[in-house]
Protein backbone atom coordinates (compact mmCIF):
# COMPACT_ATOMS: atom_id res chain seq x y z
CA UNK A 1 0.00 0.00 0.00
CA UNK A 2 1.26 3.45 -0.86
CA UNK A 3 2.50 5.85 1.77
CA UNK A 4 -0.17 8.44 2.53
CA UNK A 5 0.42 12.00 1.36
CA UNK A 6 -0.53 13.28 4.79
CA UNK A 7 -1.25 11.88 8.20
CA UNK A 8 -4.99 11.50 8.85
CA UNK A 9 -6.48 13.75 11.50
CA UNK A 10 -5.97 12.56 15.07
CA UNK A 11 -9.38 12.31 16.76
CA UNK A 12 -8.07 14.51 19.56
CA UNK A 13 -7.98 17.42 17.09
CA UNK A 14 -11.70 16.95 16.43
CA UNK A 15 -12.49 16.74 20.13
CA UNK A 16 -10.40 19.80 20.91
CA UNK A 17 -12.27 21.83 18.31
CA UNK A 18 -15.61 20.49 19.54
CA UNK A 19 -14.87 21.55 23.12
CA UNK A 20 -13.79 25.01 21.92
CA UNK A 21 -16.95 25.46 19.83
CA UNK A 22 -19.12 24.43 22.79
CA UNK A 23 -17.18 26.65 25.20
CA UNK A 24 -16.16 23.73 27.41
CA UNK A 25 -12.79 23.92 29.14
CA UNK A 26 -10.50 20.91 29.12
CA UNK A 27 -10.48 20.99 32.91
CA UNK A 28 -14.27 20.95 33.20
CA UNK A 29 -14.55 18.23 30.58
CA UNK A 30 -11.97 16.08 32.37
CA UNK A 31 -13.73 16.49 35.71
CA UNK A 32 -17.15 15.63 34.32
CA UNK A 33 -16.02 12.46 32.55
CA UNK A 34 -13.81 11.34 35.44
CA UNK A 35 -10.48 11.46 33.63
CA UNK A 36 -7.38 13.38 34.70
CA UNK A 37 -6.81 16.74 33.09
CA UNK A 38 -3.39 15.62 31.85
CA UNK A 39 -4.90 12.59 30.09
CA UNK A 40 -7.53 14.71 28.35
CA UNK A 41 -4.95 17.33 27.40
CA UNK A 42 -2.65 14.68 25.91
CA UNK A 43 -5.50 13.23 23.83
CA UNK A 44 -6.52 16.67 22.61
CA UNK A 45 -2.92 17.45 21.64
CA UNK A 46 -2.45 14.15 19.76
CA UNK A 47 0.03 12.80 22.32
CA UNK A 48 -2.22 9.98 23.54
CA UNK A 49 -4.59 7.73 21.59
CA UNK A 50 -8.35 7.75 21.86
CA UNK A 51 -9.18 4.36 23.36
CA UNK A 52 -12.53 2.61 23.16
CA UNK A 53 -13.20 3.47 26.80
CA UNK A 54 -12.38 7.14 26.25
CA UNK A 55 -14.55 7.23 23.12
CA UNK A 56 -17.50 5.89 25.13
CA UNK A 57 -16.99 8.62 27.74
CA UNK A 58 -16.99 11.22 24.97
CA UNK A 59 -20.21 9.77 23.57
CA UNK A 60 -21.88 9.98 26.97
CA UNK A 61 -20.72 13.57 27.48
CA UNK A 62 -20.99 15.07 24.00
CA UNK A 63 -23.04 12.64 21.89
CA UNK A 64 -20.18 12.06 19.45
CA UNK A 65 -20.15 8.65 17.78
CA UNK A 66 -17.49 6.52 19.54
CA UNK A 67 -16.91 4.25 16.54
CA UNK A 68 -16.02 7.29 14.44
CA UNK A 69 -13.40 8.35 17.00
CA UNK A 70 -11.91 4.85 17.25
CA UNK A 71 -11.84 4.52 13.45
CA UNK A 72 -10.08 7.88 13.16
CA UNK A 73 -7.52 6.69 15.70
CA UNK A 74 -6.96 3.47 13.78
CA UNK A 75 -6.38 5.34 10.50
CA UNK A 76 -4.00 7.71 12.29
CA UNK A 77 -2.08 4.78 13.84
CA UNK A 78 -1.72 3.01 10.49
CA UNK A 79 -0.43 6.14 8.76
CA UNK A 80 2.14 6.75 11.51
CA UNK A 81 3.27 3.10 11.36
CA UNK A 82 3.67 3.28 7.57
CA UNK A 83 5.84 6.38 7.95
CA UNK A 84 8.46 4.61 10.05
CA UNK A 85 11.68 4.77 8.03
CA UNK A 86 12.31 1.02 8.01
CA UNK A 87 8.71 -0.03 7.36
CA UNK A 88 8.52 0.15 3.54
CA UNK A 89 11.62 -2.00 2.96
CA UNK A 90 10.60 -4.43 5.71
CA UNK A 91 7.13 -4.87 4.20
CA UNK A 92 8.55 -5.33 0.71
CA UNK A 93 10.89 -8.06 1.99
CA UNK A 94 7.95 -9.87 3.58
CA UNK A 95 5.88 -9.52 0.38
CA UNK A 96 8.66 -11.09 -1.69
CA UNK A 97 9.14 -13.97 0.77
CA UNK A 98 5.41 -14.66 1.03
CA UNK A 99 4.46 -14.14 -2.63
CA UNK A 100 4.26 -17.90 -3.31
CA UNK A 101 1.48 -18.18 -0.74
CA UNK A 102 -0.67 -15.81 -2.77
CA UNK A 103 -0.77 -17.96 -5.92
PDB file of N, CA and C in Angstrom:
ATOM      1  N   UNK A   1       0.838  -1.176   0.000  1.00  0.00           N
ATOM      2  CA  UNK A   1       0.000   0.000   0.000  1.00  0.00           C
ATOM      3  C   UNK A   1       0.880   1.235   0.000  1.00  0.00           C
ATOM      4  N   UNK A   2       0.474   2.233  -0.729  1.00  0.00           N
ATOM      5  CA  UNK A   2       1.261   3.453  -0.862  1.00  0.00           C
ATOM      6  C   UNK A   2       1.285   4.242   0.442  1.00  0.00           C
ATOM      7  N   UNK A   3       2.378   4.972   0.619  1.00  0.00           N
ATOM      8  CA  UNK A   3       2.500   5.849   1.766  1.00  0.00           C
ATOM      9  C   UNK A   3       1.525   7.016   1.603  1.00  0.00           C
ATOM     10  N   UNK A   4       0.785   7.339   2.667  1.00  0.00           N
ATOM     11  CA  UNK A   4      -0.174   8.440   2.525  1.00  0.00           C
ATOM     12  C   UNK A   4       0.536   9.772   2.309  1.00  0.00           C
ATOM     13  N   UNK A   5      -0.140  10.682   1.605  1.00  0.00           N
ATOM     14  CA  UNK A   5       0.422  12.004   1.358  1.00  0.00           C
ATOM     15  C   UNK A   5       0.440  12.848   2.625  1.00  0.00           C
ATOM     16  N   UNK A   6      -0.470  12.559   3.526  1.00  0.00           N
ATOM     17  CA  UNK A   6      -0.530  13.283   4.787  1.00  0.00           C
ATOM     18  C   UNK A   6      -1.044  12.331   5.864  1.00  0.00           C
ATOM     19  N   UNK A   7      -0.757  12.685   7.085  1.00  0.00           N
ATOM     20  CA  UNK A   7      -1.250  11.876   8.196  1.00  0.00           C
ATOM     21  C   UNK A   7      -2.725  12.220   8.407  1.00  0.00           C
ATOM     22  N   UNK A   8      -3.585  11.217   8.556  1.00  0.00           N
ATOM     23  CA  UNK A   8      -4.988  11.503   8.852  1.00  0.00           C
ATOM     24  C   UNK A   8      -5.123  12.295  10.160  1.00  0.00           C
ATOM     25  N   UNK A   9      -6.225  12.942  10.305  1.00  0.00           N
ATOM     26  CA  UNK A   9      -6.479  13.750  11.495  1.00  0.00           C
ATOM     27  C   UNK A   9      -6.576  12.864  12.728  1.00  0.00           C
ATOM     28  N   UNK A  10      -5.857  13.251  13.773  1.00  0.00           N
ATOM     29  CA  UNK A  10      -5.967  12.558  15.071  1.00  0.00           C
ATOM     30  C   UNK A  10      -7.328  12.938  15.653  1.00  0.00           C
ATOM     31  N   UNK A  11      -8.062  11.979  16.220  1.00  0.00           N
ATOM     32  CA  UNK A  11      -9.383  12.312  16.761  1.00  0.00           C
ATOM     33  C   UNK A  11      -9.338  13.357  17.873  1.00  0.00           C
ATOM     34  N   UNK A  12      -8.204  13.479  18.532  1.00  0.00           N
ATOM     35  CA  UNK A  12      -8.068  14.509  19.555  1.00  0.00           C
ATOM     36  C   UNK A  12      -8.230  15.905  18.989  1.00  0.00           C
ATOM     37  N   UNK A  13      -7.812  16.111  17.741  1.00  0.00           N
ATOM     38  CA  UNK A  13      -7.981  17.416  17.090  1.00  0.00           C
ATOM     39  C   UNK A  13      -9.466  17.758  16.950  1.00  0.00           C
ATOM     40  N   UNK A  14     -10.260  16.757  16.592  1.00  0.00           N
ATOM     41  CA  UNK A  14     -11.701  16.950  16.427  1.00  0.00           C
ATOM     42  C   UNK A  14     -12.333  17.261  17.783  1.00  0.00           C
ATOM     43  N   UNK A  15     -11.935  16.510  18.798  1.00  0.00           N
ATOM     44  CA  UNK A  15     -12.487  16.735  20.133  1.00  0.00           C
ATOM     45  C   UNK A  15     -12.099  18.101  20.680  1.00  0.00           C
ATOM     46  N   UNK A  16     -10.863  18.492  20.444  1.00  0.00           N
ATOM     47  CA  UNK A  16     -10.400  19.803  20.912  1.00  0.00           C
ATOM     48  C   UNK A  16     -11.235  20.915  20.291  1.00  0.00           C
ATOM     49  N   UNK A  17     -11.459  20.827  18.994  1.00  0.00           N
ATOM     50  CA  UNK A  17     -12.269  21.831  18.306  1.00  0.00           C
ATOM     51  C   UNK A  17     -13.710  21.811  18.813  1.00  0.00           C
ATOM     52  N   UNK A  18     -14.239  20.625  19.046  1.00  0.00           N
ATOM     53  CA  UNK A  18     -15.610  20.493  19.535  1.00  0.00           C
ATOM     54  C   UNK A  18     -15.767  21.153  20.913  1.00  0.00           C
ATOM     55  N   UNK A  19     -14.811  20.922  21.795  1.00  0.00           N
ATOM     56  CA  UNK A  19     -14.867  21.551  23.116  1.00  0.00           C
ATOM     57  C   UNK A  19     -14.800  23.075  22.987  1.00  0.00           C
ATOM     58  N   UNK A  20     -13.928  23.559  22.121  1.00  0.00           N
ATOM     59  CA  UNK A  20     -13.795  25.007  21.923  1.00  0.00           C
ATOM     60  C   UNK A  20     -15.092  25.614  21.398  1.00  0.00           C
ATOM     61  N   UNK A  21     -15.707  24.957  20.415  1.00  0.00           N
ATOM     62  CA  UNK A  21     -16.953  25.456  19.832  1.00  0.00           C
ATOM     63  C   UNK A  21     -18.062  25.492  20.886  1.00  0.00           C
ATOM     64  N   UNK A  22     -18.076  24.494  21.756  1.00  0.00           N
ATOM     65  CA  UNK A  22     -19.118  24.426  22.791  1.00  0.00           C
ATOM     66  C   UNK A  22     -18.772  25.258  24.025  1.00  0.00           C
ATOM     67  N   UNK A  23     -17.580  25.841  24.063  1.00  0.00           N
ATOM     68  CA  UNK A  23     -17.180  26.654  25.202  1.00  0.00           C
ATOM     69  C   UNK A  23     -16.917  25.845  26.465  1.00  0.00           C
ATOM     70  N   UNK A  24     -16.447  24.624  26.288  1.00  0.00           N
ATOM     71  CA  UNK A  24     -16.164  23.726  27.413  1.00  0.00           C
ATOM     72  C   UNK A  24     -14.658  23.698  27.637  1.00  0.00           C
ATOM     73  N   UNK A  25     -14.223  23.966  28.850  1.00  0.00           N
ATOM     74  CA  UNK A  25     -12.788  23.924  29.141  1.00  0.00           C
ATOM     75  C   UNK A  25     -12.336  22.468  29.265  1.00  0.00           C
ATOM     76  N   UNK A  26     -11.066  22.250  28.973  1.00  0.00           N
ATOM     77  CA  UNK A  26     -10.503  20.909  29.120  1.00  0.00           C
ATOM     78  C   UNK A  26     -10.622  20.433  30.566  1.00  0.00           C
ATOM     79  N   UNK A  27     -10.411  21.337  31.490  1.00  0.00           N
ATOM     80  CA  UNK A  27     -10.481  20.991  32.909  1.00  0.00           C
ATOM     81  C   UNK A  27     -11.887  20.550  33.300  1.00  0.00           C
ATOM     82  N   UNK A  28     -12.878  21.303  32.887  1.00  0.00           N
ATOM     83  CA  UNK A  28     -14.265  20.952  33.201  1.00  0.00           C
ATOM     84  C   UNK A  28     -14.649  19.636  32.544  1.00  0.00           C
ATOM     85  N   UNK A  29     -14.250  19.466  31.291  1.00  0.00           N
ATOM     86  CA  UNK A  29     -14.554  18.228  30.580  1.00  0.00           C
ATOM     87  C   UNK A  29     -13.934  17.037  31.303  1.00  0.00           C
ATOM     88  N   UNK A  30     -12.669  17.164  31.675  1.00  0.00           N
ATOM     89  CA  UNK A  30     -11.970  16.077  32.371  1.00  0.00           C
ATOM     90  C   UNK A  30     -12.677  15.727  33.675  1.00  0.00           C
ATOM     91  N   UNK A  31     -13.055  16.733  34.430  1.00  0.00           N
ATOM     92  CA  UNK A  31     -13.734  16.488  35.708  1.00  0.00           C
ATOM     93  C   UNK A  31     -15.060  15.769  35.511  1.00  0.00           C
ATOM     94  N   UNK A  32     -15.813  16.200  34.536  1.00  0.00           N
ATOM     95  CA  UNK A  32     -17.148  15.626  34.322  1.00  0.00           C
ATOM     96  C   UNK A  32     -17.112  14.199  33.799  1.00  0.00           C
ATOM     97  N   UNK A  33     -16.077  13.847  33.043  1.00  0.00           N
ATOM     98  CA  UNK A  33     -16.021  12.456  32.548  1.00  0.00           C
ATOM     99  C   UNK A  33     -15.163  11.567  33.439  1.00  0.00           C
ATOM    100  N   UNK A  34     -14.574  12.137  34.483  1.00  0.00           N
ATOM    101  CA  UNK A  34     -13.813  11.339  35.440  1.00  0.00           C
ATOM    102  C   UNK A  34     -12.447  10.905  34.962  1.00  0.00           C
ATOM    103  N   UNK A  35     -11.810  11.750  34.165  1.00  0.00           N
ATOM    104  CA  UNK A  35     -10.477  11.463  33.633  1.00  0.00           C
ATOM    105  C   UNK A  35      -9.563  12.611  34.053  1.00  0.00           C
ATOM    106  N   UNK A  36      -8.301  12.316  34.288  1.00  0.00           N
ATOM    107  CA  UNK A  36      -7.382  13.378  34.702  1.00  0.00           C
ATOM    108  C   UNK A  36      -7.240  14.418  33.599  1.00  0.00           C
ATOM    109  N   UNK A  37      -7.004  15.654  34.036  1.00  0.00           N
ATOM    110  CA  UNK A  37      -6.807  16.743  33.089  1.00  0.00           C
ATOM    111  C   UNK A  37      -5.648  16.434  32.145  1.00  0.00           C
ATOM    112  N   UNK A  38      -4.557  15.890  32.694  1.00  0.00           N
ATOM    113  CA  UNK A  38      -3.388  15.623  31.854  1.00  0.00           C
ATOM    114  C   UNK A  38      -3.709  14.597  30.769  1.00  0.00           C
ATOM    115  N   UNK A  39      -4.518  13.596  31.103  1.00  0.00           N
ATOM    116  CA  UNK A  39      -4.900  12.595  30.090  1.00  0.00           C
ATOM    117  C   UNK A  39      -5.719  13.230  28.977  1.00  0.00           C
ATOM    118  N   UNK A  40      -6.699  14.037  29.357  1.00  0.00           N
ATOM    119  CA  UNK A  40      -7.532  14.708  28.355  1.00  0.00           C
ATOM    120  C   UNK A  40      -6.669  15.627  27.495  1.00  0.00           C
ATOM    121  N   UNK A  41      -5.812  16.406  28.133  1.00  0.00           N
ATOM    122  CA  UNK A  41      -4.955  17.326  27.404  1.00  0.00           C
ATOM    123  C   UNK A  41      -4.057  16.593  26.413  1.00  0.00           C
ATOM    124  N   UNK A  42      -3.515  15.459  26.816  1.00  0.00           N
ATOM    125  CA  UNK A  42      -2.649  14.683  25.913  1.00  0.00           C
ATOM    126  C   UNK A  42      -3.431  14.124  24.734  1.00  0.00           C
ATOM    127  N   UNK A  43      -4.671  13.694  24.951  1.00  0.00           N
ATOM    128  CA  UNK A  43      -5.502  13.227  23.827  1.00  0.00           C
ATOM    129  C   UNK A  43      -5.771  14.393  22.884  1.00  0.00           C
ATOM    130  N   UNK A  44      -6.161  15.529  23.448  1.00  0.00           N
ATOM    131  CA  UNK A  44      -6.524  16.675  22.612  1.00  0.00           C
ATOM    132  C   UNK A  44      -5.334  17.260  21.856  1.00  0.00           C
ATOM    133  N   UNK A  45      -4.132  16.970  22.326  1.00  0.00           N
ATOM    134  CA  UNK A  45      -2.924  17.448  21.642  1.00  0.00           C
ATOM    135  C   UNK A  45      -2.204  16.334  20.889  1.00  0.00           C
ATOM    136  N   UNK A  46      -2.933  15.269  20.590  1.00  0.00           N
ATOM    137  CA  UNK A  46      -2.446  14.153  19.760  1.00  0.00           C
ATOM    138  C   UNK A  46      -1.238  13.430  20.359  1.00  0.00           C
ATOM    139  N   UNK A  47      -1.089  13.470  21.662  1.00  0.00           N
ATOM    140  CA  UNK A  47       0.033  12.799  22.322  1.00  0.00           C
ATOM    141  C   UNK A  47      -0.379  11.481  22.951  1.00  0.00           C
ATOM    142  N   UNK A  48      -1.681  11.201  22.949  1.00  0.00           N
ATOM    143  CA  UNK A  48      -2.218   9.976  23.539  1.00  0.00           C
ATOM    144  C   UNK A  48      -3.362   9.520  22.637  1.00  0.00           C
ATOM    145  N   UNK A  49      -3.512   8.215  22.469  1.00  0.00           N
ATOM    146  CA  UNK A  49      -4.587   7.734  21.590  1.00  0.00           C
ATOM    147  C   UNK A  49      -5.961   7.820  22.243  1.00  0.00           C
ATOM    148  N   UNK A  50      -6.977   7.881  21.402  1.00  0.00           N
ATOM    149  CA  UNK A  50      -8.354   7.753  21.863  1.00  0.00           C
ATOM    150  C   UNK A  50      -8.648   6.263  21.945  1.00  0.00           C
ATOM    151  N   UNK A  51      -8.851   5.774  23.146  1.00  0.00           N
ATOM    152  CA  UNK A  51      -9.177   4.363  23.357  1.00  0.00           C
ATOM    153  C   UNK A  51     -10.685   4.160  23.241  1.00  0.00           C
ATOM    154  N   UNK A  52     -11.097   2.919  23.192  1.00  0.00           N
ATOM    155  CA  UNK A  52     -12.530   2.609  23.155  1.00  0.00           C
ATOM    156  C   UNK A  52     -13.224   3.149  24.399  1.00  0.00           C
ATOM    157  N   UNK A  53     -12.605   2.977  25.552  1.00  0.00           N
ATOM    158  CA  UNK A  53     -13.198   3.473  26.797  1.00  0.00           C
ATOM    159  C   UNK A  53     -13.358   4.989  26.757  1.00  0.00           C
ATOM    160  N   UNK A  54     -12.322   5.680  26.328  1.00  0.00           N
ATOM    161  CA  UNK A  54     -12.375   7.143  26.254  1.00  0.00           C
ATOM    162  C   UNK A  54     -13.450   7.580  25.262  1.00  0.00           C
ATOM    163  N   UNK A  55     -13.543   6.894  24.135  1.00  0.00           N
ATOM    164  CA  UNK A  55     -14.547   7.231  23.124  1.00  0.00           C
ATOM    165  C   UNK A  55     -15.957   7.076  23.685  1.00  0.00           C
ATOM    166  N   UNK A  56     -16.183   6.069  24.513  1.00  0.00           N
ATOM    167  CA  UNK A  56     -17.498   5.888  25.127  1.00  0.00           C
ATOM    168  C   UNK A  56     -17.809   7.010  26.114  1.00  0.00           C
ATOM    169  N   UNK A  57     -16.796   7.484  26.833  1.00  0.00           N
ATOM    170  CA  UNK A  57     -16.987   8.620  27.740  1.00  0.00           C
ATOM    171  C   UNK A  57     -17.366   9.870  26.952  1.00  0.00           C
ATOM    172  N   UNK A  58     -16.694  10.072  25.825  1.00  0.00           N
ATOM    173  CA  UNK A  58     -16.991  11.222  24.970  1.00  0.00           C
ATOM    174  C   UNK A  58     -18.419  11.135  24.443  1.00  0.00           C
ATOM    175  N   UNK A  59     -18.836   9.940  24.052  1.00  0.00           N
ATOM    176  CA  UNK A  59     -20.208   9.769  23.571  1.00  0.00           C
ATOM    177  C   UNK A  59     -21.207  10.149  24.658  1.00  0.00           C
ATOM    178  N   UNK A  60     -20.971   9.685  25.873  1.00  0.00           N
ATOM    179  CA  UNK A  60     -21.878   9.983  26.974  1.00  0.00           C
ATOM    180  C   UNK A  60     -21.931  11.485  27.258  1.00  0.00           C
ATOM    181  N   UNK A  61     -20.793  12.151  27.148  1.00  0.00           N
ATOM    182  CA  UNK A  61     -20.719  13.574  27.478  1.00  0.00           C
ATOM    183  C   UNK A  61     -21.159  14.491  26.350  1.00  0.00           C
ATOM    184  N   UNK A  62     -20.794  14.147  25.122  1.00  0.00           N
ATOM    185  CA  UNK A  62     -20.990  15.069  24.001  1.00  0.00           C
ATOM    186  C   UNK A  62     -21.870  14.525  22.876  1.00  0.00           C
ATOM    187  N   UNK A  63     -22.206  13.230  22.940  1.00  0.00           N
ATOM    188  CA  UNK A  63     -23.036  12.639  21.895  1.00  0.00           C
ATOM    189  C   UNK A  63     -22.306  12.366  20.595  1.00  0.00           C
ATOM    190  N   UNK A  64     -20.980  12.340  20.649  1.00  0.00           N
ATOM    191  CA  UNK A  64     -20.177  12.063  19.450  1.00  0.00           C
ATOM    192  C   UNK A  64     -20.016  10.556  19.286  1.00  0.00           C
ATOM    193  N   UNK A  65     -20.206  10.078  18.079  1.00  0.00           N
ATOM    194  CA  UNK A  65     -20.148   8.648  17.779  1.00  0.00           C
ATOM    195  C   UNK A  65     -18.787   8.058  18.175  1.00  0.00           C
ATOM    196  N   UNK A  66     -18.769   7.076  19.091  1.00  0.00           N
ATOM    197  CA  UNK A  66     -17.494   6.522  19.540  1.00  0.00           C
ATOM    198  C   UNK A  66     -16.769   5.704  18.470  1.00  0.00           C
ATOM    199  N   UNK A  67     -17.536   5.024  17.610  1.00  0.00           N
ATOM    200  CA  UNK A  67     -16.914   4.249  16.543  1.00  0.00           C
ATOM    201  C   UNK A  67     -16.154   5.158  15.581  1.00  0.00           C
ATOM    202  N   UNK A  68     -16.705   6.340  15.315  1.00  0.00           N
ATOM    203  CA  UNK A  68     -16.020   7.290  14.441  1.00  0.00           C
ATOM    204  C   UNK A  68     -14.664   7.673  15.038  1.00  0.00           C
ATOM    205  N   UNK A  69     -14.645   7.955  16.348  1.00  0.00           N
ATOM    206  CA  UNK A  69     -13.396   8.348  17.002  1.00  0.00           C
ATOM    207  C   UNK A  69     -12.371   7.218  16.975  1.00  0.00           C
ATOM    208  N   UNK A  70     -12.824   5.999  17.246  1.00  0.00           N
ATOM    209  CA  UNK A  70     -11.909   4.848  17.251  1.00  0.00           C
ATOM    210  C   UNK A  70     -11.402   4.574  15.836  1.00  0.00           C
ATOM    211  N   UNK A  71     -12.263   4.713  14.839  1.00  0.00           N
ATOM    212  CA  UNK A  71     -11.836   4.518  13.450  1.00  0.00           C
ATOM    213  C   UNK A  71     -10.828   5.584  13.027  1.00  0.00           C
ATOM    214  N   UNK A  72     -11.051   6.812  13.456  1.00  0.00           N
ATOM    215  CA  UNK A  72     -10.085   7.882  13.160  1.00  0.00           C
ATOM    216  C   UNK A  72      -8.731   7.550  13.784  1.00  0.00           C
ATOM    217  N   UNK A  73      -8.759   7.046  15.014  1.00  0.00           N
ATOM    218  CA  UNK A  73      -7.523   6.694  15.700  1.00  0.00           C
ATOM    219  C   UNK A  73      -6.803   5.573  14.969  1.00  0.00           C
ATOM    220  N   UNK A  74      -7.557   4.597  14.503  1.00  0.00           N
ATOM    221  CA  UNK A  74      -6.963   3.473  13.776  1.00  0.00           C
ATOM    222  C   UNK A  74      -6.292   3.939  12.479  1.00  0.00           C
ATOM    223  N   UNK A  75      -6.974   4.809  11.735  1.00  0.00           N
ATOM    224  CA  UNK A  75      -6.379   5.344  10.499  1.00  0.00           C
ATOM    225  C   UNK A  75      -5.117   6.149  10.807  1.00  0.00           C
ATOM    226  N   UNK A  76      -5.163   6.922  11.872  1.00  0.00           N
ATOM    227  CA  UNK A  76      -3.997   7.707  12.294  1.00  0.00           C
ATOM    228  C   UNK A  76      -2.835   6.770  12.640  1.00  0.00           C
ATOM    229  N   UNK A  77      -3.123   5.732  13.429  1.00  0.00           N
ATOM    230  CA  UNK A  77      -2.084   4.780  13.838  1.00  0.00           C
ATOM    231  C   UNK A  77      -1.438   4.096  12.635  1.00  0.00           C
ATOM    232  N   UNK A  78      -2.251   3.686  11.667  1.00  0.00           N
ATOM    233  CA  UNK A  78      -1.715   3.007  10.486  1.00  0.00           C
ATOM    234  C   UNK A  78      -0.821   3.936   9.671  1.00  0.00           C
ATOM    235  N   UNK A  79      -1.229   5.179   9.528  1.00  0.00           N
ATOM    236  CA  UNK A  79      -0.429   6.140   8.764  1.00  0.00           C
ATOM    237  C   UNK A  79       0.911   6.382   9.449  1.00  0.00           C
ATOM    238  N   UNK A  80       0.894   6.528  10.764  1.00  0.00           N
ATOM    239  CA  UNK A  80       2.137   6.750  11.506  1.00  0.00           C
ATOM    240  C   UNK A  80       3.044   5.524  11.389  1.00  0.00           C
ATOM    241  N   UNK A  81       2.470   4.331  11.481  1.00  0.00           N
ATOM    242  CA  UNK A  81       3.266   3.102  11.357  1.00  0.00           C
ATOM    243  C   UNK A  81       3.903   3.006   9.974  1.00  0.00           C
ATOM    244  N   UNK A  82       3.141   3.345   8.938  1.00  0.00           N
ATOM    245  CA  UNK A  82       3.671   3.281   7.568  1.00  0.00           C
ATOM    246  C   UNK A  82       4.800   4.280   7.340  1.00  0.00           C
ATOM    247  N   UNK A  83       4.823   5.338   8.127  1.00  0.00           N
ATOM    248  CA  UNK A  83       5.838   6.376   7.948  1.00  0.00           C
ATOM    249  C   UNK A  83       7.156   6.058   8.650  1.00  0.00           C
ATOM    250  N   UNK A  84       7.200   4.982   9.417  1.00  0.00           N
ATOM    251  CA  UNK A  84       8.459   4.610  10.054  1.00  0.00           C
ATOM    252  C   UNK A  84       9.484   4.335   8.954  1.00  0.00           C
ATOM    253  N   UNK A  85      10.684   4.873   9.103  1.00  0.00           N
ATOM    254  CA  UNK A  85      11.682   4.770   8.025  1.00  0.00           C
ATOM    255  C   UNK A  85      11.950   3.343   7.537  1.00  0.00           C
ATOM    256  N   UNK A  86      11.977   2.381   8.423  1.00  0.00           N
ATOM    257  CA  UNK A  86      12.312   1.018   8.013  1.00  0.00           C
ATOM    258  C   UNK A  86      11.108   0.229   7.508  1.00  0.00           C
ATOM    259  N   UNK A  87       9.912   0.750   7.682  1.00  0.00           N
ATOM    260  CA  UNK A  87       8.714  -0.026   7.363  1.00  0.00           C
ATOM    261  C   UNK A  87       8.581  -0.384   5.887  1.00  0.00           C
ATOM    262  N   UNK A  88       8.722   0.535   4.941  1.00  0.00           N
ATOM    263  CA  UNK A  88       8.524   0.151   3.536  1.00  0.00           C
ATOM    264  C   UNK A  88       9.437  -0.989   3.080  1.00  0.00           C
ATOM    265  N   UNK A  89      10.713  -0.935   3.405  1.00  0.00           N
ATOM    266  CA  UNK A  89      11.616  -1.997   2.965  1.00  0.00           C
ATOM    267  C   UNK A  89      11.313  -3.304   3.696  1.00  0.00           C
ATOM    268  N   UNK A  90      10.936  -3.226   4.947  1.00  0.00           N
ATOM    269  CA  UNK A  90      10.597  -4.434   5.711  1.00  0.00           C
ATOM    270  C   UNK A  90       9.349  -5.106   5.122  1.00  0.00           C
ATOM    271  N   UNK A  91       8.351  -4.318   4.793  1.00  0.00           N
ATOM    272  CA  UNK A  91       7.128  -4.868   4.204  1.00  0.00           C
ATOM    273  C   UNK A  91       7.391  -5.466   2.829  1.00  0.00           C
ATOM    274  N   UNK A  92       8.228  -4.800   2.039  1.00  0.00           N
ATOM    275  CA  UNK A  92       8.551  -5.328   0.708  1.00  0.00           C
ATOM    276  C   UNK A  92       9.273  -6.669   0.814  1.00  0.00           C
ATOM    277  N   UNK A  93      10.182  -6.800   1.773  1.00  0.00           N
ATOM    278  CA  UNK A  93      10.891  -8.061   1.992  1.00  0.00           C
ATOM    279  C   UNK A  93       9.904  -9.167   2.338  1.00  0.00           C
ATOM    280  N   UNK A  94       8.958  -8.872   3.196  1.00  0.00           N
ATOM    281  CA  UNK A  94       7.946  -9.867   3.575  1.00  0.00           C
ATOM    282  C   UNK A  94       7.082 -10.233   2.378  1.00  0.00           C
ATOM    283  N   UNK A  95       6.694  -9.241   1.575  1.00  0.00           N
ATOM    284  CA  UNK A  95       5.877  -9.519   0.383  1.00  0.00           C
ATOM    285  C   UNK A  95       6.593 -10.462  -0.580  1.00  0.00           C
ATOM    286  N   UNK A  96       7.895 -10.223  -0.783  1.00  0.00           N
ATOM    287  CA  UNK A  96       8.663 -11.090  -1.688  1.00  0.00           C
ATOM    288  C   UNK A  96       8.737 -12.512  -1.130  1.00  0.00           C
ATOM    289  N   UNK A  97       9.005 -12.635   0.165  1.00  0.00           N
ATOM    290  CA  UNK A  97       9.140 -13.968   0.768  1.00  0.00           C
ATOM    291  C   UNK A  97       7.822 -14.724   0.788  1.00  0.00           C
ATOM    292  N   UNK A  98       6.717 -14.009   0.897  1.00  0.00           N
ATOM    293  CA  UNK A  98       5.414 -14.657   1.033  1.00  0.00           C
ATOM    294  C   UNK A  98       4.620 -14.702  -0.263  1.00  0.00           C
ATOM    295  N   UNK A  99       5.160 -14.173  -1.341  1.00  0.00           N
ATOM    296  CA  UNK A  99       4.456 -14.138  -2.627  1.00  0.00           C
ATOM    297  C   UNK A  99       3.959 -15.517  -3.073  1.00  0.00           C
ATOM    298  N   UNK A 100       4.756 -16.597  -2.878  1.00  0.00           N
ATOM    299  CA  UNK A 100       4.260 -17.903  -3.307  1.00  0.00           C
ATOM    300  C   UNK A 100       2.959 -18.331  -2.624  1.00  0.00           C
ATOM    301  N   UNK A 101       2.709 -17.829  -1.456  1.00  0.00           N
ATOM    302  CA  UNK A 101       1.479 -18.185  -0.744  1.00  0.00           C
ATOM    303  C   UNK A 101       0.237 -17.569  -1.396  1.00  0.00           C
ATOM    304  N   UNK A 102       0.446 -16.533  -2.183  1.00  0.00           N
ATOM    305  CA  UNK A 102      -0.671 -15.815  -2.772  1.00  0.00           C
ATOM    306  C   UNK A 102      -1.117 -16.393  -4.116  1.00  0.00           C
ATOM    307  N   UNK A 103      -0.409 -17.367  -4.605  1.00  0.00           N
ATOM    308  CA  UNK A 103      -0.769 -17.959  -5.916  1.00  0.00           C
ATOM    309  C   UNK A 103      -1.958 -18.844  -5.833  1.00  0.00           C
TER     310      UNK A 103
END
